[in-house]
Amino acid sequence: MDEESVEELSHAGPEVPGNVTRHFANVVRIATTISDISLLFGSVYPVGLQGEDSQGRGECLVHMSPQAAKSLFLLLRDQLRKYEERWELKIPVHPDMADKYGADL
């Protein structure tokens, strides 16, 4: 990795005002109605000495209009394409997800 890439990595992410709460999420549950889409972001982590069990909790609930959700989808797809191109890699997805939804951006 070149020096410029390392510098960019250390400054990754947009500037966020101090009053904005940050959350880490490695799972998301999605629910829809005719008028909105709800995203419940959360985290799942192993418990026990061998990690045989896991626990999770919802951290952040976001409600969006279908139009805003579709815009988010298009923007995320574009950013993920750029990420894969820039770093010359393919982001892996679980085989079940790839079978059901496809793995290509």
PDB file of N, CA and C in Angstrom:
ATOM      1  N   MET A   1       0.848  -1.168   0.000  1.00  0.00           N
ATOM      2  CA  MET A   1       0.000   0.000   0.000  1.00  0.00           C
ATOM      3  C   MET A   1       0.894   1.231   0.000  1.00  0.00           C
ATOM      4  N   ASP A   2       0.589   2.189  -0.875  1.00  0.00           N
ATOM      5  CA  ASP A   2       1.436   3.365  -0.960  1.00  0.00           C
ATOM      6  C   ASP A   2       1.153   4.350   0.177  1.00  0.00           C
ATOM      7  N   GLU A   3       2.059   5.314   0.324  1.00  0.00           N
ATOM      8  CA  GLU A   3       1.969   6.269   1.431  1.00  0.00           C
ATOM      9  C   GLU A   3       0.690   7.097   1.376  1.00  0.00           C
ATOM     10  N   GLU A   4       0.267   7.478   0.148  1.00  0.00           N
ATOM     11  CA  GLU A   4      -0.952   8.264   0.001  1.00  0.00           C
ATOM     12  C   GLU A   4      -2.175   7.492   0.493  1.00  0.00           C
ATOM     13  N   SER A   5      -2.239   6.186   0.185  1.00  0.00           N
ATOM     14  CA  SER A   5      -3.374   5.370   0.614  1.00  0.00           C
ATOM     15  C   SER A   5      -3.431   5.260   2.125  1.00  0.00           C
ATOM     16  N   VAL A   6      -2.274   5.114   2.760  1.00  0.00           N
ATOM     17  CA  VAL A   6      -2.228   5.028   4.215  1.00  0.00           C
ATOM     18  C   VAL A   6      -2.715   6.335   4.820  1.00  0.00           C
ATOM     19  N   GLU A   7      -2.310   7.452   4.260  1.00  0.00           N
ATOM     20  CA  GLU A   7      -2.753   8.757   4.748  1.00  0.00           C
ATOM     21  C   GLU A   7      -4.271   8.885   4.621  1.00  0.00           C
ATOM     22  N   GLU A   8      -4.833   8.456   3.486  1.00  0.00           N
ATOM     23  CA  GLU A   8      -6.273   8.542   3.289  1.00  0.00           C
ATOM     24  C   GLU A   8      -7.017   7.629   4.258  1.00  0.00           C
ATOM     25  N   LEU A   9      -6.472   6.453   4.552  1.00  0.00           N
ATOM     26  CA  LEU A   9      -7.114   5.544   5.489  1.00  0.00           C
ATOM     27  C   LEU A   9      -7.201   6.160   6.877  1.00  0.00           C
ATOM     28  N   SER A  10      -6.182   6.888   7.266  1.00  0.00           N
ATOM     29  CA  SER A  10      -6.181   7.454   8.609  1.00  0.00           C
ATOM     30  C   SER A  10      -7.198   8.581   8.750  1.00  0.00           C
ATOM     31  N   HIS A  11      -7.713   9.085   7.638  1.00  0.00           N
ATOM     32  CA  HIS A  11      -8.699  10.166   7.670  1.00  0.00           C
ATOM     33  C   HIS A  11     -10.032   9.709   7.067  1.00  0.00           C
ATOM     34  N   ALA A  12     -10.285   8.400   7.117  1.00  0.00           N
ATOM     35  CA  ALA A  12     -11.479   7.851   6.484  1.00  0.00           C
ATOM     36  C   ALA A  12     -12.746   8.361   7.157  1.00  0.00           C
ATOM     37  N   GLY A  13     -13.754   8.581   6.364  1.00  0.00           N
ATOM     38  CA  GLY A  13     -15.065   8.950   6.876  1.00  0.00           C
ATOM     39  C   GLY A  13     -15.302  10.442   6.857  1.00  0.00           C
ATOM     40  N   PRO A  14     -16.554  10.808   6.782  1.00  0.00           N
ATOM     41  CA  PRO A  14     -16.898  12.236   6.747  1.00  0.00           C
ATOM     42  C   PRO A  14     -16.753  12.874   8.121  1.00  0.00           C
ATOM     43  N   GLU A  15     -16.581  14.191   8.110  1.00  0.00           N
ATOM     44  CA  GLU A  15     -16.566  14.922   9.379  1.00  0.00           C
ATOM     45  C   GLU A  15     -17.971  14.882   9.959  1.00  0.00           C
ATOM     46  N   VAL A  16     -18.070  14.630  11.246  1.00  0.00           N
ATOM     47  CA  VAL A  16     -19.365  14.507  11.907  1.00  0.00           C
ATOM     48  C   VAL A  16     -19.406  15.495  13.068  1.00  0.00           C
ATOM     49  N   PRO A  17     -20.496  16.268  13.165  1.00  0.00           N
ATOM     50  CA  PRO A  17     -20.600  17.188  14.307  1.00  0.00           C
ATOM     51  C   PRO A  17     -20.526  16.432  15.631  1.00  0.00           C
ATOM     52  N   GLY A  18     -20.039  17.086  16.647  1.00  0.00           N
ATOM     53  CA  GLY A  18     -19.844  16.454  17.947  1.00  0.00           C
ATOM     54  C   GLY A  18     -21.108  15.949  18.614  1.00  0.00           C
ATOM     55  N   ASN A  19     -22.278  16.479  18.250  1.00  0.00           N
ATOM     56  CA  ASN A  19     -23.518  16.062  18.893  1.00  0.00           C
ATOM     57  C   ASN A  19     -24.161  14.849  18.221  1.00  0.00           C
ATOM     58  N   VAL A  20     -23.528  14.276  17.206  1.00  0.00           N
ATOM     59  CA  VAL A  20     -24.071  13.104  16.511  1.00  0.00           C
ATOM     60  C   VAL A  20     -23.550  11.834  17.184  1.00  0.00           C
ATOM     61  N   THR A  21     -24.466  10.938  17.549  1.00  0.00           N
ATOM     62  CA  THR A  21     -24.090   9.682  18.185  1.00  0.00           C
ATOM     63  C   THR A  21     -23.593   8.708  17.133  1.00  0.00           C
ATOM     64  N   ARG A  22     -22.464   8.068  17.398  1.00  0.00           N
ATOM     65  CA  ARG A  22     -21.906   7.064  16.489  1.00  0.00           C
ATOM     66  C   ARG A  22     -22.310   5.681  16.972  1.00  0.00           C
ATOM     67  N   HIS A  23     -22.577   4.784  16.008  1.00  0.00           N
ATOM     68  CA  HIS A  23     -22.946   3.406  16.308  1.00  0.00           C
ATOM     69  C   HIS A  23     -22.143   2.478  15.418  1.00  0.00           C
ATOM     70  N   PHE A  24     -21.805   1.315  15.926  1.00  0.00           N
ATOM     71  CA  PHE A  24     -21.232   0.245  15.117  1.00  0.00           C
ATOM     72  C   PHE A  24     -22.336  -0.765  14.871  1.00  0.00           C
ATOM     73  N   ALA A  25     -22.454  -1.248  13.640  1.00  0.00           N
ATOM     74  CA  ALA A  25     -23.464  -2.264  13.335  1.00  0.00           C
ATOM     75  C   ALA A  25     -22.844  -3.322  12.429  1.00  0.00           C
ATOM     76  N   ASN A  26     -23.113  -4.578  12.750  1.00  0.00           N
ATOM     77  CA  ASN A  26     -22.708  -5.658  11.854  1.00  0.00           C
ATOM     78  C   ASN A  26     -23.913  -6.498  11.423  1.00  0.00           C
ATOM     79  N   VAL A  27     -25.107  -6.058  11.804  1.00  0.00           N
ATOM     80  CA  VAL A  27     -26.350  -6.677  11.346  1.00  0.00           C
ATOM     81  C   VAL A  27     -27.394  -5.579  11.140  1.00  0.00           C
ATOM     82  N   VAL A  28     -28.365  -5.874  10.288  1.00  0.00           N
ATOM     83  CA  VAL A  28     -29.481  -4.959  10.086  1.00  0.00           C
ATOM     84  C   VAL A  28     -30.735  -5.782   9.813  1.00  0.00           C
ATOM     85  N   ARG A  29     -31.825  -5.369  10.415  1.00  0.00           N
ATOM     86  CA  ARG A  29     -33.134  -5.968  10.141  1.00  0.00           C
ATOM     87  C   ARG A  29     -33.950  -4.920   9.402  1.00  0.00           C
ATOM     88  N   ILE A  30     -34.668  -5.369   8.398  1.00  0.00           N
ATOM     89  CA  ILE A  30     -35.423  -4.451   7.561  1.00  0.00           C
ATOM     90  C   ILE A  30     -36.897  -4.814   7.606  1.00  0.00           C
ATOM     91  N   ALA A  31     -37.740  -3.811   7.798  1.00  0.00           N
ATOM     92  CA  ALA A  31     -39.193  -4.001   7.779  1.00  0.00           C
ATOM     93  C   ALA A  31     -39.780  -2.929   6.862  1.00  0.00           C
ATOM     94  N   THR A  32     -40.843  -3.285   6.160  1.00  0.00           N
ATOM     95  CA  THR A  32     -41.457  -2.329   5.246  1.00  0.00           C
ATOM     96  C   THR A  32     -42.965  -2.246   5.454  1.00  0.00           C
ATOM     97  N   THR A  33     -43.494  -1.078   5.167  1.00  0.00           N
ATOM     98  CA  THR A  33     -44.928  -0.865   5.052  1.00  0.00           C
ATOM     99  C   THR A  33     -45.138  -0.162   3.715  1.00  0.00           C
ATOM    100  N   ILE A  34     -46.361   0.140   3.386  1.00  0.00           N
ATOM    101  CA  ILE A  34     -46.641   0.837   2.136  1.00  0.00           C
ATOM    102  C   ILE A  34     -46.008   2.224   2.115  1.00  0.00           C
ATOM    103  N   SER A  35     -45.791   2.820   3.297  1.00  0.00           N
ATOM    104  CA  SER A  35     -45.315   4.202   3.346  1.00  0.00           C
ATOM    105  C   SER A  35     -43.901   4.402   3.872  1.00  0.00           C
ATOM    106  N   ASP A  36     -43.296   3.358   4.444  1.00  0.00           N
ATOM    107  CA  ASP A  36     -41.922   3.556   4.917  1.00  0.00           C
ATOM    108  C   ASP A  36     -41.141   2.250   4.975  1.00  0.00           C
ATOM    109  N   ILE A  37     -39.835   2.428   5.124  1.00  0.00           N
ATOM    110  CA  ILE A  37     -38.911   1.317   5.307  1.00  0.00           C
ATOM    111  C   ILE A  37     -38.158   1.596   6.594  1.00  0.00           C
ATOM    112  N   SER A  38     -38.107   0.599   7.469  1.00  0.00           N
ATOM    113  CA  SER A  38     -37.421   0.746   8.752  1.00  0.00           C
ATOM    114  C   SER A  38     -36.186  -0.138   8.762  1.00  0.00           C
ATOM    115  N   LEU A  39     -35.086   0.443   9.198  1.00  0.00           N
ATOM    116  CA  LEU A  39     -33.815  -0.269   9.314  1.00  0.00           C
ATOM    117  C   LEU A  39     -33.420  -0.283  10.785  1.00  0.00           C
ATOM    118  N   LEU A  40     -33.320  -1.464  11.367  1.00  0.00           N
ATOM    119  CA  LEU A  40     -32.867  -1.592  12.747  1.00  0.00           C
ATOM    120  C   LEU A  40     -31.433  -2.118  12.708  1.00  0.00           C
ATOM    121  N   PHE A  41     -30.493  -1.224  12.964  1.00  0.00           N
ATOM    122  CA  PHE A  41     -29.079  -1.582  12.970  1.00  0.00           C
ATOM    123  C   PHE A  41     -28.701  -2.082  14.354  1.00  0.00           C
ATOM    124  N   GLY A  42     -27.851  -3.100  14.393  1.00  0.00           N
ATOM    125  CA  GLY A  42     -27.427  -3.642  15.670  1.00  0.00           C
ATOM    126  C   GLY A  42     -26.088  -4.327  15.553  1.00  0.00           C
ATOM    127  N   SER A  43     -25.714  -4.957  16.632  1.00  0.00           N
ATOM    128  CA  SER A  43     -24.452  -5.696  16.638  1.00  0.00           C
ATOM    129  C   SER A  43     -24.661  -7.040  17.322  1.00  0.00           C
ATOM    130  N   VAL A  44     -24.013  -8.032  16.781  1.00  0.00           N
ATOM    131  CA  VAL A  44     -24.022  -9.385  17.334  1.00  0.00           C
ATOM    132  C   VAL A  44     -22.585  -9.696  17.706  1.00  0.00           C
ATOM    133  N   TYR A  45     -22.406 -10.270  18.871  1.00  0.00           N
ATOM    134  CA  TYR A  45     -21.066 -10.574  19.342  1.00  0.00           C
ATOM    135  C   TYR A  45     -21.087 -11.918  20.062  1.00  0.00           C
ATOM    136  N   PRO A  46     -19.956 -12.626  20.019  1.00  0.00           N
ATOM    137  CA  PRO A  46     -19.901 -13.941  20.675  1.00  0.00           C
ATOM    138  C   PRO A  46     -19.852 -13.805  22.191  1.00  0.00           C
ATOM    139  N   VAL A  47     -20.420 -14.796  22.854  1.00  0.00           N
ATOM    140  CA  VAL A  47     -20.327 -14.885  24.310  1.00  0.00           C
ATOM    141  C   VAL A  47     -19.835 -16.285  24.656  1.00  0.00           C
ATOM    142  N   GLY A  48     -19.355 -16.455  25.828  1.00  0.00           N
ATOM    143  CA  GLY A  48     -18.821 -17.755  26.226  1.00  0.00           C
ATOM    144  C   GLY A  48     -17.354 -17.867  25.835  1.00  0.00           C
ATOM    145  N   LEU A  49     -16.688 -18.809  26.429  1.00  0.00           N
ATOM    146  CA  LEU A  49     -15.251 -18.963  26.199  1.00  0.00           C
ATOM    147  C   LEU A  49     -14.932 -19.402  24.781  1.00  0.00           C
ATOM    148  N   GLN A  50     -15.765 -20.239  24.209  1.00  0.00           N
ATOM    149  CA  GLN A  50     -15.501 -20.750  22.868  1.00  0.00           C
ATOM    150  C   GLN A  50     -16.297 -20.008  21.794  1.00  0.00           C
ATOM    151  N   GLY A  51     -17.060 -18.999  22.170  1.00  0.00           N
ATOM    152  CA  GLY A  51     -17.869 -18.269  21.210  1.00  0.00           C
ATOM    153  C   GLY A  51     -19.007 -19.104  20.654  1.00  0.00           C
ATOM    154  N   GLU A  52     -19.434 -20.114  21.449  1.00  0.00           N
ATOM    155  CA  GLU A  52     -20.471 -21.024  20.960  1.00  0.00           C
ATOM    156  C   GLU A  52     -21.849 -20.378  20.904  1.00  0.00           C
ATOM    157  N   ASP A  53     -22.037 -19.326  21.634  1.00  0.00           N
ATOM    158  CA  ASP A  53     -23.298 -18.600  21.628  1.00  0.00           C
ATOM    159  C   ASP A  53     -23.039 -17.164  21.176  1.00  0.00           C
ATOM    160  N   SER A  54     -24.081 -16.513  20.780  1.00  0.00           N
ATOM    161  CA  SER A  54     -23.931 -15.101  20.452  1.00  0.00           C
ATOM    162  C   SER A  54     -25.117 -14.332  21.003  1.00  0.00           C
ATOM    163  N   GLN A  55     -24.890 -13.068  21.230  1.00  0.00           N
ATOM    164  CA  GLN A  55     -25.939 -12.175  21.691  1.00  0.00           C
ATOM    165  C   GLN A  55     -25.944 -10.964  20.773  1.00  0.00           C
ATOM    166  N   GLY A  56     -27.078 -10.349  20.680  1.00  0.00           N
ATOM    167  CA  GLY A  56     -27.156  -9.150  19.861  1.00  0.00           C
ATOM    168  C   GLY A  56     -28.112  -8.158  20.460  1.00  0.00           C
ATOM    169  N   ARG A  57     -28.029  -6.950  19.959  1.00  0.00           N
ATOM    170  CA  ARG A  57     -28.960  -5.937  20.429  1.00  0.00           C
ATOM    171  C   ARG A  57     -29.112  -4.876  19.348  1.00  0.00           C
ATOM    172  N   GLY A  58     -30.327  -4.337  19.279  1.00  0.00           N
ATOM    173  CA  GLY A  58     -30.576  -3.234  18.374  1.00  0.00           C
ATOM    174  C   GLY A  58     -29.950  -1.964  18.913  1.00  0.00           C
ATOM    175  N   GLU A  59     -29.339  -1.206  18.053  1.00  0.00           N
ATOM    176  CA  GLU A  59     -28.638   0.012  18.473  1.00  0.00           C
ATOM    177  C   GLU A  59     -29.301   1.273  17.949  1.00  0.00           C
ATOM    178  N   CYS A  60     -29.833   1.200  16.729  1.00  0.00           N
ATOM    179  CA  CYS A  60     -30.306   2.413  16.078  1.00  0.00           C
ATOM    180  C   CYS A  60     -31.425   2.062  15.099  1.00  0.00           C
ATOM    181  N   LEU A  61     -32.560   2.725  15.218  1.00  0.00           N
ATOM    182  CA  LEU A  61     -33.699   2.498  14.333  1.00  0.00           C
ATOM    183  C   LEU A  61     -33.849   3.711  13.423  1.00  0.00           C
ATOM    184  N   VAL A  62     -33.874   3.457  12.117  1.00  0.00           N
ATOM    185  CA  VAL A  62     -34.014   4.525  11.124  1.00  0.00           C
ATOM    186  C   VAL A  62     -35.241   4.233  10.276  1.00  0.00           C
ATOM    187  N   HIS A  63     -36.135   5.208  10.153  1.00  0.00           N
ATOM    188  CA  HIS A  63     -37.306   5.110   9.282  1.00  0.00           C
ATOM    189  C   HIS A  63     -37.041   5.995   8.062  1.00  0.00           C
ATOM    190  N   MET A  64     -37.340   5.474   6.871  1.00  0.00           N
ATOM    191  CA  MET A  64     -37.129   6.235   5.643  1.00  0.00           C
ATOM    192  C   MET A  64     -38.325   6.066   4.716  1.00  0.00           C
ATOM    193  N   SER A  65     -38.548   7.062   3.878  1.00  0.00           N
ATOM    194  CA  SER A  65     -39.538   6.899   2.825  1.00  0.00           C
ATOM    195  C   SER A  65     -38.963   5.914   1.800  1.00  0.00           C
ATOM    196  N   PRO A  66     -39.813   5.265   1.023  1.00  0.00           N
ATOM    197  CA  PRO A  66     -39.293   4.382  -0.033  1.00  0.00           C
ATOM    198  C   PRO A  66     -38.362   5.123  -0.993  1.00  0.00           C
ATOM    199  N   GLN A  67     -38.656   6.370  -1.303  1.00  0.00           N
ATOM    200  CA  GLN A  67     -37.800   7.147  -2.202  1.00  0.00           C
ATOM    201  C   GLN A  67     -36.422   7.379  -1.583  1.00  0.00           C
ATOM    202  N   ALA A  68     -36.377   7.726  -0.310  1.00  0.00           N
ATOM    203  CA  ALA A  68     -35.090   7.945   0.360  1.00  0.00           C
ATOM    204  C   ALA A  68     -34.319   6.634   0.476  1.00  0.00           C
ATOM    205  N   ALA A  69     -35.010   5.527   0.748  1.00  0.00           N
ATOM    206  CA  ALA A  69     -34.346   4.227   0.849  1.00  0.00           C
ATOM    207  C   ALA A  69     -33.748   3.825  -0.498  1.00  0.00           C
ATOM    208  N   LYS A  70     -34.479   4.078  -1.590  1.00  0.00           N
ATOM    209  CA  LYS A  70     -33.943   3.729  -2.902  1.00  0.00           C
ATOM    210  C   LYS A  70     -32.728   4.595  -3.236  1.00  0.00           C
ATOM    211  N   SER A  71     -32.784   5.858  -2.888  1.00  0.00           N
ATOM    212  CA  SER A  71     -31.629   6.731  -3.092  1.00  0.00           C
ATOM    213  C   SER A  71     -30.426   6.230  -2.290  1.00  0.00           C
ATOM    214  N   LEU A  72     -30.671   5.831  -1.046  1.00  0.00           N
ATOM    215  CA  LEU A  72     -29.598   5.278  -0.214  1.00  0.00           C
ATOM    216  C   LEU A  72     -29.011   4.026  -0.860  1.00  0.00           C
ATOM    217  N   PHE A  73     -29.874   3.136  -1.349  1.00  0.00           N
ATOM    218  CA  PHE A  73     -29.422   1.925  -2.023  1.00  0.00           C
ATOM    219  C   PHE A  73     -28.515   2.265  -3.200  1.00  0.00           C
ATOM    220  N   LEU A  74     -28.934   3.202  -4.053  1.00  0.00           N
ATOM    221  CA  LEU A  74     -28.137   3.567  -5.223  1.00  0.00           C
ATOM    222  C   LEU A  74     -26.802   4.181  -4.824  1.00  0.00           C
ATOM    223  N   LEU A  75     -26.813   5.032  -3.812  1.00  0.00           N
ATOM    224  CA  LEU A  75     -25.571   5.653  -3.347  1.00  0.00           C
ATOM    225  C   LEU A  75     -24.626   4.630  -2.731  1.00  0.00           C
ATOM    226  N   LEU A  76     -25.162   3.710  -1.925  1.00  0.00           N
ATOM    227  CA  LEU A  76     -24.318   2.665  -1.330  1.00  0.00           C
ATOM    228  C   LEU A  76     -23.721   1.764  -2.406  1.00  0.00           C
ATOM    229  N   ARG A  77     -24.541   1.380  -3.383  1.00  0.00           N
ATOM    230  CA  ARG A  77     -24.038   0.536  -4.477  1.00  0.00           C
ATOM    231  C   ARG A  77     -22.891   1.226  -5.200  1.00  0.00           C
ATOM    232  N   ASP A  78     -23.061   2.517  -5.484  1.00  0.00           N
ATOM    233  CA  ASP A  78     -22.003   3.270  -6.162  1.00  0.00           C
ATOM    234  C   ASP A  78     -20.731   3.324  -5.316  1.00  0.00           C
ATOM    235  N   GLN A  79     -20.880   3.586  -4.024  1.00  0.00           N
ATOM    236  CA  GLN A  79     -19.707   3.667  -3.148  1.00  0.00           C
ATOM    237  C   GLN A  79     -18.997   2.319  -3.018  1.00  0.00           C
ATOM    238  N   LEU A  80     -19.770   1.230  -2.957  1.00  0.00           N
ATOM    239  CA  LEU A  80     -19.160  -0.096  -2.863  1.00  0.00           C
ATOM    240  C   LEU A  80     -18.440  -0.460  -4.153  1.00  0.00           C
ATOM    241  N   ARG A  81     -18.992  -0.101  -5.289  1.00  0.00           N
ATOM    242  CA  ARG A  81     -18.293  -0.318  -6.567  1.00  0.00           C
ATOM    243  C   ARG A  81     -16.959   0.417  -6.571  1.00  0.00           C
ATOM    244  N   LYS A  82     -16.992   1.678  -6.174  1.00  0.00           N
ATOM    245  CA  LYS A  82     -15.760   2.481  -6.143  1.00  0.00           C
ATOM    246  C   LYS A  82     -14.743   1.884  -5.169  1.00  0.00           C
ATOM    247  N   TYR A  83     -15.215   1.418  -4.033  1.00  0.00           N
ATOM    248  CA  TYR A  83     -14.330   0.801  -3.039  1.00  0.00           C
ATOM    249  C   TYR A  83     -13.637  -0.416  -3.633  1.00  0.00           C
ATOM    250  N   GLU A  84     -14.404  -1.308  -4.251  1.00  0.00           N
ATOM    251  CA  GLU A  84     -13.818  -2.519  -4.835  1.00  0.00           C
ATOM    252  C   GLU A  84     -12.836  -2.184  -5.949  1.00  0.00           C
ATOM    253  N   GLU A  85     -13.165  -1.204  -6.763  1.00  0.00           N
ATOM    254  CA  GLU A  85     -12.256  -0.803  -7.837  1.00  0.00           C
ATOM    255  C   GLU A  85     -10.975  -0.193  -7.271  1.00  0.00           C
ATOM    256  N   ARG A  86     -11.131   0.693  -6.327  1.00  0.00           N
ATOM    257  CA  ARG A  86      -9.970   1.381  -5.774  1.00  0.00           C
ATOM    258  C   ARG A  86      -8.999   0.426  -5.094  1.00  0.00           C
ATOM    259  N   TRP A  87      -9.531  -0.480  -4.294  1.00  0.00           N
ATOM    260  CA  TRP A  87      -8.674  -1.376  -3.531  1.00  0.00           C
ATOM    261  C   TRP A  87      -8.442  -2.707  -4.259  1.00  0.00           C
ATOM    262  N   GLU A  88      -9.000  -2.834  -5.473  1.00  0.00           N
ATOM    263  CA  GLU A  88      -8.797  -4.015  -6.319  1.00  0.00           C
ATOM    264  C   GLU A  88      -9.132  -5.306  -5.569  1.00  0.00           C
ATOM    265  N   LEU A  89     -10.341  -5.329  -5.022  1.00  0.00           N
ATOM    266  CA  LEU A  89     -10.798  -6.522  -4.314  1.00  0.00           C
ATOM    267  C   LEU A  89     -12.292  -6.676  -4.486  1.00  0.00           C
ATOM    268  N   LYS A  90     -12.778  -7.851  -4.167  1.00  0.00           N
ATOM    269  CA  LYS A  90     -14.207  -8.133  -4.147  1.00  0.00           C
ATOM    270  C   LYS A  90     -14.614  -8.328  -2.689  1.00  0.00           C
ATOM    271  N   ILE A  91     -15.603  -7.605  -2.245  1.00  0.00           N
ATOM    272  CA  ILE A  91     -16.098  -7.746  -0.879  1.00  0.00           C
ATOM    273  C   ILE A  91     -16.891  -9.052  -0.820  1.00  0.00           C
ATOM    274  N   PRO A  92     -16.490  -9.981   0.050  1.00  0.00           N
ATOM    275  CA  PRO A  92     -17.202 -11.258   0.103  1.00  0.00           C
ATOM    276  C   PRO A  92     -18.572 -11.117   0.780  1.00  0.00           C
ATOM    277  N   VAL A  93     -19.500 -11.935   0.335  1.00  0.00           N
ATOM    278  CA  VAL A  93     -20.811 -12.026   0.985  1.00  0.00           C
ATOM    279  C   VAL A  93     -21.083 -13.487   1.282  1.00  0.00           C
ATOM    280  N   HIS A  94     -21.919 -13.737   2.261  1.00  0.00           N
ATOM    281  CA  HIS A  94     -22.275 -15.114   2.615  1.00  0.00           C
ATOM    282  C   HIS A  94     -22.898 -15.793   1.392  1.00  0.00           C
ATOM    283  N   PRO A  95     -22.563 -17.059   1.127  1.00  0.00           N
ATOM    284  CA  PRO A  95     -23.104 -17.752  -0.050  1.00  0.00           C
ATOM    285  C   PRO A  95     -24.630 -17.732  -0.141  1.00  0.00           C
ATOM    286  N   ASP A  96     -25.326 -17.839   0.997  1.00  0.00           N
ATOM    287  CA  ASP A  96     -26.793 -17.788   0.967  1.00  0.00           C
ATOM    288  C   ASP A  96     -27.299 -16.427   0.480  1.00  0.00           C
ATOM    289  N   MET A  97     -26.628 -15.366   0.906  1.00  0.00           N
ATOM    290  CA  MET A  97     -27.002 -14.026   0.442  1.00  0.00           C
ATOM    291  C   MET A  97     -26.737 -13.893  -1.054  1.00  0.00           C
ATOM    292  N   ALA A  98     -25.586 -14.394  -1.490  1.00  0.00           N
ATOM    293  CA  ALA A  98     -25.242 -14.312  -2.915  1.00  0.00           C
ATOM    294  C   ALA A  98     -26.245 -15.085  -3.759  1.00  0.00           C
ATOM    295  N   ASP A  99     -26.653 -16.267  -3.295  1.00  0.00           N
ATOM    296  CA  ASP A  99     -27.633 -17.070  -4.026  1.00  0.00           C
ATOM    297  C   ASP A  99     -28.973 -16.349  -4.134  1.00  0.00           C
ATOM    298  N   LYS A 100     -29.394 -15.723  -3.051  1.00  0.00           N
ATOM    299  CA  LYS A 100     -30.717 -15.107  -3.020  1.00  0.00           C
ATOM    300  C   LYS A 100     -30.752 -13.737  -3.726  1.00  0.00           C
ATOM    301  N   TYR A 101     -29.701 -12.927  -3.527  1.00  0.00           N
ATOM    302  CA  TYR A 101     -29.743 -11.556  -4.007  1.00  0.00           C
ATOM    303  C   TYR A 101     -28.698 -11.233  -5.072  1.00  0.00           C
ATOM    304  N   GLY A 102     -27.732 -12.127  -5.268  1.00  0.00           N
ATOM    305  CA  GLY A 102     -26.635 -11.843  -6.192  1.00  0.00           C
ATOM    306  C   GLY A 102     -25.499 -11.148  -5.464  1.00  0.00           C
ATOM    307  N   ALA A 103     -24.284 -11.366  -5.942  1.00  0.00           N
ATOM    308  CA  ALA A 103     -23.123 -10.798  -5.271  1.00  0.00           C
ATOM    309  C   ALA A 103     -22.502  -9.656  -6.063  1.00  0.00           C
ATOM    310  N   ASP A 104     -22.959  -9.453  -7.293  1.00  0.00           N
ATOM    311  CA  ASP A 104     -22.372  -8.397  -8.122  1.00  0.00           C
ATOM    312  C   ASP A 104     -23.045  -7.063  -7.841  1.00  0.00           C
ATOM    313  N   LEU A 105     -22.237  -6.040  -7.905  1.00  0.00           N
ATOM    314  CA  LEU A 105     -22.761  -4.692  -7.723  1.00  0.00           C
ATOM    315  C   LEU A 105     -23.141  -4.184  -9.080  1.00  0.00           C
TER     316      LEU A 105
END
